[in-house]
């Protein structure tokens, strides 16, 4: 079960929903990825990772509709 890294609401979709975002019953949607600080383990140096709060995943900021032709 995947939970929102900050609010801890639970994603109600099956694991096969990718690339669609996670979705909670309260309407919250989010994209996440493995925590870069702990490599997804949820702990660093024997303590809970302060970046992901022990969940192993962090929120991703995704820009939808970004114009890639401006380069």
PDB file of N, CA and C in Angstrom:
ATOM      1  N   UNK A   1       0.842  -1.165   0.000  1.00  0.00           N
ATOM      2  CA  UNK A   1       0.000   0.000   0.000  1.00  0.00           C
ATOM      3  C   UNK A   1       0.893   1.235   0.000  1.00  0.00           C
ATOM      4  N   UNK A   2       0.634   2.148  -0.899  1.00  0.00           N
ATOM      5  CA  UNK A   2       1.427   3.374  -0.999  1.00  0.00           C
ATOM      6  C   UNK A   2       0.680   4.499  -0.312  1.00  0.00           C
ATOM      7  N   UNK A   3       1.419   5.283   0.465  1.00  0.00           N
ATOM      8  CA  UNK A   3       0.839   6.431   1.159  1.00  0.00           C
ATOM      9  C   UNK A   3       1.519   7.717   0.701  1.00  0.00           C
ATOM     10  N   UNK A   4       0.772   8.806   0.765  1.00  0.00           N
ATOM     11  CA  UNK A   4       1.312  10.123   0.445  1.00  0.00           C
ATOM     12  C   UNK A   4       2.469  10.399   1.405  1.00  0.00           C
ATOM     13  N   UNK A   5       3.617  10.817   0.900  1.00  0.00           N
ATOM     14  CA  UNK A   5       4.788  11.003   1.761  1.00  0.00           C
ATOM     15  C   UNK A   5       4.615  12.016   2.892  1.00  0.00           C
ATOM     16  N   UNK A   6       3.720  12.963   2.752  1.00  0.00           N
ATOM     17  CA  UNK A   6       3.558  13.983   3.792  1.00  0.00           C
ATOM     18  C   UNK A   6       2.281  13.809   4.603  1.00  0.00           C
ATOM     19  N   UNK A   7       1.145  13.597   3.938  1.00  0.00           N
ATOM     20  CA  UNK A   7      -0.131  13.510   4.656  1.00  0.00           C
ATOM     21  C   UNK A   7      -0.462  12.096   5.100  1.00  0.00           C
ATOM     22  N   UNK A   8       0.196  11.116   4.510  1.00  0.00           N
ATOM     23  CA  UNK A   8       0.026   9.688   4.817  1.00  0.00           C
ATOM     24  C   UNK A   8      -1.321   9.120   4.377  1.00  0.00           C
ATOM     25  N   UNK A   9      -2.117   9.851   3.527  1.00  0.00           N
ATOM     26  CA  UNK A   9      -3.340   9.257   2.995  1.00  0.00           C
ATOM     27  C   UNK A   9      -2.950   8.106   2.083  1.00  0.00           C
ATOM     28  N   UNK A  10      -3.801   7.110   1.996  1.00  0.00           N
ATOM     29  CA  UNK A  10      -3.498   5.887   1.257  1.00  0.00           C
ATOM     30  C   UNK A  10      -3.980   5.967  -0.187  1.00  0.00           C
ATOM     31  N   UNK A  11      -3.146   5.517  -1.112  1.00  0.00           N
ATOM     32  CA  UNK A  11      -3.535   5.399  -2.514  1.00  0.00           C
ATOM     33  C   UNK A  11      -4.486   4.215  -2.641  1.00  0.00           C
ATOM     34  N   UNK A  12      -5.623   4.439  -3.313  1.00  0.00           N
ATOM     35  CA  UNK A  12      -6.620   3.380  -3.443  1.00  0.00           C
ATOM     36  C   UNK A  12      -6.523   2.640  -4.774  1.00  0.00           C
ATOM     37  N   UNK A  13      -5.599   3.019  -5.624  1.00  0.00           N
ATOM     38  CA  UNK A  13      -5.454   2.380  -6.930  1.00  0.00           C
ATOM     39  C   UNK A  13      -4.543   1.161  -6.847  1.00  0.00           C
ATOM     40  N   UNK A  14      -4.757   0.243  -7.767  1.00  0.00           N
ATOM     41  CA  UNK A  14      -3.870  -0.927  -7.859  1.00  0.00           C
ATOM     42  C   UNK A  14      -2.479  -0.474  -8.284  1.00  0.00           C
ATOM     43  N   UNK A  15      -1.481  -1.285  -8.012  1.00  0.00           N
ATOM     44  CA  UNK A  15      -0.098  -0.929  -8.341  1.00  0.00           C
ATOM     45  C   UNK A  15       0.123  -0.710  -9.833  1.00  0.00           C
ATOM     46  N   UNK A  16      -0.811  -1.126 -10.657  1.00  0.00           N
ATOM     47  CA  UNK A  16      -0.640  -1.021 -12.106  1.00  0.00           C
ATOM     48  C   UNK A  16      -1.138   0.308 -12.669  1.00  0.00           C
ATOM     49  N   UNK A  17      -1.411   1.318 -11.838  1.00  0.00           N
ATOM     50  CA  UNK A  17      -1.959   2.585 -12.319  1.00  0.00           C
ATOM     51  C   UNK A  17      -0.925   3.480 -12.983  1.00  0.00           C
ATOM     52  N   UNK A  18       0.364   3.185 -12.854  1.00  0.00           N
ATOM     53  CA  UNK A  18       1.408   4.003 -13.454  1.00  0.00           C
ATOM     54  C   UNK A  18       1.193   4.088 -14.959  1.00  0.00           C
ATOM     55  N   UNK A  19       1.336   5.219 -15.604  1.00  0.00           N
ATOM     56  CA  UNK A  19       1.914   6.492 -15.186  1.00  0.00           C
ATOM     57  C   UNK A  19       0.908   7.475 -14.592  1.00  0.00           C
ATOM     58  N   UNK A  20      -0.322   7.067 -14.375  1.00  0.00           N
ATOM     59  CA  UNK A  20      -1.276   7.975 -13.721  1.00  0.00           C
ATOM     60  C   UNK A  20      -0.834   8.228 -12.284  1.00  0.00           C
ATOM     61  N   UNK A  21      -1.234   9.354 -11.706  1.00  0.00           N
ATOM     62  CA  UNK A  21      -0.817   9.656 -10.330  1.00  0.00           C
ATOM     63  C   UNK A  21      -1.507   8.756  -9.316  1.00  0.00           C
ATOM     64  N   UNK A  22      -0.947   8.717  -8.119  1.00  0.00           N
ATOM     65  CA  UNK A  22      -1.614   8.050  -7.005  1.00  0.00           C
ATOM     66  C   UNK A  22      -2.890   8.827  -6.702  1.00  0.00           C
ATOM     67  N   UNK A  23      -3.892   8.145  -6.124  1.00  0.00           N
ATOM     68  CA  UNK A  23      -5.176   8.777  -5.841  1.00  0.00           C
ATOM     69  C   UNK A  23      -5.701   8.283  -4.504  1.00  0.00           C
ATOM     70  N   UNK A  24      -6.128   9.209  -3.634  1.00  0.00           N
ATOM     71  CA  UNK A  24      -6.716   8.866  -2.338  1.00  0.00           C
ATOM     72  C   UNK A  24      -8.218   9.152  -2.381  1.00  0.00           C
ATOM     73  N   UNK A  25      -8.971   8.530  -1.488  1.00  0.00           N
ATOM     74  CA  UNK A  25     -10.422   8.710  -1.451  1.00  0.00           C
ATOM     75  C   UNK A  25     -10.839  10.157  -1.205  1.00  0.00           C
ATOM     76  N   UNK A  26      -9.987  10.950  -0.576  1.00  0.00           N
ATOM     77  CA  UNK A  26     -10.331  12.355  -0.329  1.00  0.00           C
ATOM     78  C   UNK A  26     -10.072  13.243  -1.547  1.00  0.00           C
ATOM     79  N   UNK A  27      -9.629  12.646  -2.664  1.00  0.00           N
ATOM     80  CA  UNK A  27      -9.374  13.387  -3.892  1.00  0.00           C
ATOM     81  C   UNK A  27      -7.937  13.823  -4.082  1.00  0.00           C
ATOM     82  N   UNK A  28      -7.093  13.575  -3.104  1.00  0.00           N
ATOM     83  CA  UNK A  28      -5.680  13.919  -3.210  1.00  0.00           C
ATOM     84  C   UNK A  28      -5.023  13.089  -4.308  1.00  0.00           C
ATOM     85  N   UNK A  29      -4.236  13.737  -5.165  1.00  0.00           N
ATOM     86  CA  UNK A  29      -3.448  13.020  -6.165  1.00  0.00           C
ATOM     87  C   UNK A  29      -1.996  13.438  -6.012  1.00  0.00           C
ATOM     88  N   UNK A  30      -1.083  12.523  -6.357  1.00  0.00           N
ATOM     89  CA  UNK A  30       0.337  12.845  -6.245  1.00  0.00           C
ATOM     90  C   UNK A  30       1.175  11.868  -7.052  1.00  0.00           C
ATOM     91  N   UNK A  31       2.367  12.321  -7.398  1.00  0.00           N
ATOM     92  CA  UNK A  31       3.406  11.484  -7.985  1.00  0.00           C
ATOM     93  C   UNK A  31       4.535  11.417  -6.970  1.00  0.00           C
ATOM     94  N   UNK A  32       5.149  10.266  -6.843  1.00  0.00           N
ATOM     95  CA  UNK A  32       6.282  10.147  -5.933  1.00  0.00           C
ATOM     96  C   UNK A  32       7.355   9.260  -6.536  1.00  0.00           C
ATOM     97  N   UNK A  33       8.498   9.257  -5.914  1.00  0.00           N
ATOM     98  CA  UNK A  33       9.622   8.442  -6.351  1.00  0.00           C
ATOM     99  C   UNK A  33      10.477   8.070  -5.158  1.00  0.00           C
ATOM    100  N   UNK A  34      11.397   7.151  -5.366  1.00  0.00           N
ATOM    101  CA  UNK A  34      12.274   6.741  -4.267  1.00  0.00           C
ATOM    102  C   UNK A  34      12.984   7.942  -3.665  1.00  0.00           C
ATOM    103  N   UNK A  35      13.086   7.951  -2.372  1.00  0.00           N
ATOM    104  CA  UNK A  35      13.773   9.028  -1.660  1.00  0.00           C
ATOM    105  C   UNK A  35      15.253   9.006  -2.031  1.00  0.00           C
ATOM    106  N   UNK A  36      15.772  10.143  -2.427  1.00  0.00           N
ATOM    107  CA  UNK A  36      17.181  10.237  -2.788  1.00  0.00           C
ATOM    108  C   UNK A  36      18.112  10.234  -1.597  1.00  0.00           C
ATOM    109  N   UNK A  37      17.587  10.588  -0.427  1.00  0.00           N
ATOM    110  CA  UNK A  37      18.428  10.658   0.766  1.00  0.00           C
ATOM    111  C   UNK A  37      18.721   9.279   1.349  1.00  0.00           C
ATOM    112  N   UNK A  38      17.739   8.371   1.293  1.00  0.00           N
ATOM    113  CA  UNK A  38      17.931   7.043   1.898  1.00  0.00           C
ATOM    114  C   UNK A  38      17.834   5.919   0.871  1.00  0.00           C
ATOM    115  N   UNK A  39      17.716   6.261  -0.402  1.00  0.00           N
ATOM    116  CA  UNK A  39      17.587   5.290  -1.499  1.00  0.00           C
ATOM    117  C   UNK A  39      16.383   4.375  -1.321  1.00  0.00           C
ATOM    118  N   UNK A  40      15.337   4.889  -0.682  1.00  0.00           N
ATOM    119  CA  UNK A  40      14.101   4.133  -0.538  1.00  0.00           C
ATOM    120  C   UNK A  40      14.030   3.214   0.661  1.00  0.00           C
ATOM    121  N   UNK A  41      15.065   3.190   1.487  1.00  0.00           N
ATOM    122  CA  UNK A  41      15.051   2.273   2.635  1.00  0.00           C
ATOM    123  C   UNK A  41      14.227   2.814   3.799  1.00  0.00           C
ATOM    124  N   UNK A  42      14.060   4.126   3.874  1.00  0.00           N
ATOM    125  CA  UNK A  42      13.312   4.730   4.965  1.00  0.00           C
ATOM    126  C   UNK A  42      14.150   5.062   6.184  1.00  0.00           C
ATOM    127  N   UNK A  43      15.428   4.664   6.163  1.00  0.00           N
ATOM    128  CA  UNK A  43      16.286   4.987   7.310  1.00  0.00           C
ATOM    129  C   UNK A  43      17.671   5.393   6.835  1.00  0.00           C
ATOM    130  N   UNK A  44      18.316   6.211   7.667  1.00  0.00           N
ATOM    131  CA  UNK A  44      19.683   6.656   7.400  1.00  0.00           C
ATOM    132  C   UNK A  44      20.464   6.585   8.698  1.00  0.00           C
ATOM    133  N   UNK A  45      21.576   5.919   8.661  1.00  0.00           N
ATOM    134  CA  UNK A  45      22.447   5.806   9.836  1.00  0.00           C
ATOM    135  C   UNK A  45      21.703   5.287  11.063  1.00  0.00           C
ATOM    136  N   UNK A  46      20.781   4.345  10.838  1.00  0.00           N
ATOM    137  CA  UNK A  46      20.065   3.720  11.946  1.00  0.00           C
ATOM    138  C   UNK A  46      18.891   4.507  12.494  1.00  0.00           C
ATOM    139  N   UNK A  47      18.560   5.643  11.885  1.00  0.00           N
ATOM    140  CA  UNK A  47      17.404   6.425  12.324  1.00  0.00           C
ATOM    141  C   UNK A  47      16.449   6.633  11.155  1.00  0.00           C
ATOM    142  N   UNK A  48      15.218   7.017  11.465  1.00  0.00           N
ATOM    143  CA  UNK A  48      14.223   7.271  10.429  1.00  0.00           C
ATOM    144  C   UNK A  48      14.696   8.427   9.555  1.00  0.00           C
ATOM    145  N   UNK A  49      14.602   8.244   8.253  1.00  0.00           N
ATOM    146  CA  UNK A  49      15.027   9.276   7.298  1.00  0.00           C
ATOM    147  C   UNK A  49      14.159  10.523   7.477  1.00  0.00           C
ATOM    148  N   UNK A  50      14.802  11.675   7.646  1.00  0.00           N
ATOM    149  CA  UNK A  50      14.040  12.907   7.839  1.00  0.00           C
ATOM    150  C   UNK A  50      13.495  13.474   6.531  1.00  0.00           C
ATOM    151  N   UNK A  51      13.969  12.985   5.395  1.00  0.00           N
ATOM    152  CA  UNK A  51      13.469  13.462   4.109  1.00  0.00           C
ATOM    153  C   UNK A  51      12.140  12.818   3.727  1.00  0.00           C
ATOM    154  N   UNK A  52      12.002  11.514   3.974  1.00  0.00           N
ATOM    155  CA  UNK A  52      10.780  10.792   3.592  1.00  0.00           C
ATOM    156  C   UNK A  52       9.970  10.336   4.799  1.00  0.00           C
ATOM    157  N   UNK A  53      10.438  10.635   5.994  1.00  0.00           N
ATOM    158  CA  UNK A  53       9.753  10.270   7.241  1.00  0.00           C
ATOM    159  C   UNK A  53       9.581   8.762   7.376  1.00  0.00           C
ATOM    160  N   UNK A  54      10.516   8.009   6.822  1.00  0.00           N
ATOM    161  CA  UNK A  54      10.513   6.559   6.952  1.00  0.00           C
ATOM    162  C   UNK A  54       9.730   5.815   5.893  1.00  0.00           C
ATOM    163  N   UNK A  55       9.067   6.536   4.998  1.00  0.00           N
ATOM    164  CA  UNK A  55       8.246   5.889   3.975  1.00  0.00           C
ATOM    165  C   UNK A  55       9.019   5.408   2.770  1.00  0.00           C
ATOM    166  N   UNK A  56      10.206   5.949   2.540  1.00  0.00           N
ATOM    167  CA  UNK A  56      11.029   5.533   1.416  1.00  0.00           C
ATOM    168  C   UNK A  56      10.725   6.251   0.110  1.00  0.00           C
ATOM    169  N   UNK A  57       9.687   7.101   0.091  1.00  0.00           N
ATOM    170  CA  UNK A  57       9.300   7.819  -1.122  1.00  0.00           C
ATOM    171  C   UNK A  57       9.136   9.298  -0.822  1.00  0.00           C
ATOM    172  N   UNK A  58       9.436  10.142  -1.811  1.00  0.00           N
ATOM    173  CA  UNK A  58       9.276  11.592  -1.702  1.00  0.00           C
ATOM    174  C   UNK A  58       8.403  12.078  -2.851  1.00  0.00           C
ATOM    175  N   UNK A  59       7.745  13.204  -2.640  1.00  0.00           N
ATOM    176  CA  UNK A  59       6.907  13.787  -3.679  1.00  0.00           C
ATOM    177  C   UNK A  59       7.752  14.246  -4.853  1.00  0.00           C
ATOM    178  N   UNK A  60       7.198  14.128  -6.041  1.00  0.00           N
ATOM    179  CA  UNK A  60       7.839  14.636  -7.254  1.00  0.00           C
ATOM    180  C   UNK A  60       7.044  15.828  -7.754  1.00  0.00           C
ATOM    181  N   UNK A  61       7.726  16.856  -8.177  1.00  0.00           N
ATOM    182  CA  UNK A  61       7.087  18.010  -8.802  1.00  0.00           C
ATOM    183  C   UNK A  61       7.124  17.774 -10.306  1.00  0.00           C
ATOM    184  N   UNK A  62       5.954  17.674 -10.910  1.00  0.00           N
ATOM    185  CA  UNK A  62       5.871  17.404 -12.343  1.00  0.00           C
ATOM    186  C   UNK A  62       5.167  18.571 -13.019  1.00  0.00           C
ATOM    187  N   UNK A  63       5.813  19.133 -14.028  1.00  0.00           N
ATOM    188  CA  UNK A  63       5.216  20.218 -14.793  1.00  0.00           C
ATOM    189  C   UNK A  63       4.517  19.620 -16.000  1.00  0.00           C
ATOM    190  N   UNK A  64       3.204  19.713 -16.007  1.00  0.00           N
ATOM    191  CA  UNK A  64       2.421  19.182 -17.117  1.00  0.00           C
ATOM    192  C   UNK A  64       2.179  20.308 -18.113  1.00  0.00           C
ATOM    193  N   UNK A  65       2.399  20.002 -19.366  1.00  0.00           N
ATOM    194  CA  UNK A  65       2.186  20.988 -20.403  1.00  0.00           C
ATOM    195  C   UNK A  65       3.367  21.914 -20.622  1.00  0.00           C
ATOM    196  N   UNK A  66       4.501  21.582 -20.064  1.00  0.00           N
ATOM    197  CA  UNK A  66       5.690  22.414 -20.260  1.00  0.00           C
ATOM    198  C   UNK A  66       6.076  22.398 -21.735  1.00  0.00           C
ATOM    199  N   UNK A  67       6.459  23.537 -22.246  1.00  0.00           N
ATOM    200  CA  UNK A  67       6.828  23.651 -23.652  1.00  0.00           C
ATOM    201  C   UNK A  67       8.278  23.220 -23.835  1.00  0.00           C
ATOM    202  N   UNK A  68       8.490  22.053 -24.452  1.00  0.00           N
ATOM    203  CA  UNK A  68       9.846  21.541 -24.622  1.00  0.00           C
ATOM    204  C   UNK A  68      10.498  22.061 -25.901  1.00  0.00           C
ATOM    205  N   UNK A  69       9.741  22.805 -26.707  1.00  0.00           N
ATOM    206  CA  UNK A  69      10.289  23.323 -27.960  1.00  0.00           C
ATOM    207  C   UNK A  69      11.060  24.621 -27.775  1.00  0.00           C
ATOM    208  N   UNK A  70      11.117  25.154 -26.557  1.00  0.00           N
ATOM    209  CA  UNK A  70      11.772  26.436 -26.326  1.00  0.00           C
ATOM    210  C   UNK A  70      13.287  26.336 -26.266  1.00  0.00           C
ATOM    211  N   UNK A  71      13.857  25.175 -26.373  1.00  0.00           N
ATOM    212  CA  UNK A  71      15.313  25.007 -26.243  1.00  0.00           C
ATOM    213  C   UNK A  71      16.046  25.464 -27.454  1.00  0.00           C
TER     214      UNK A  71
END
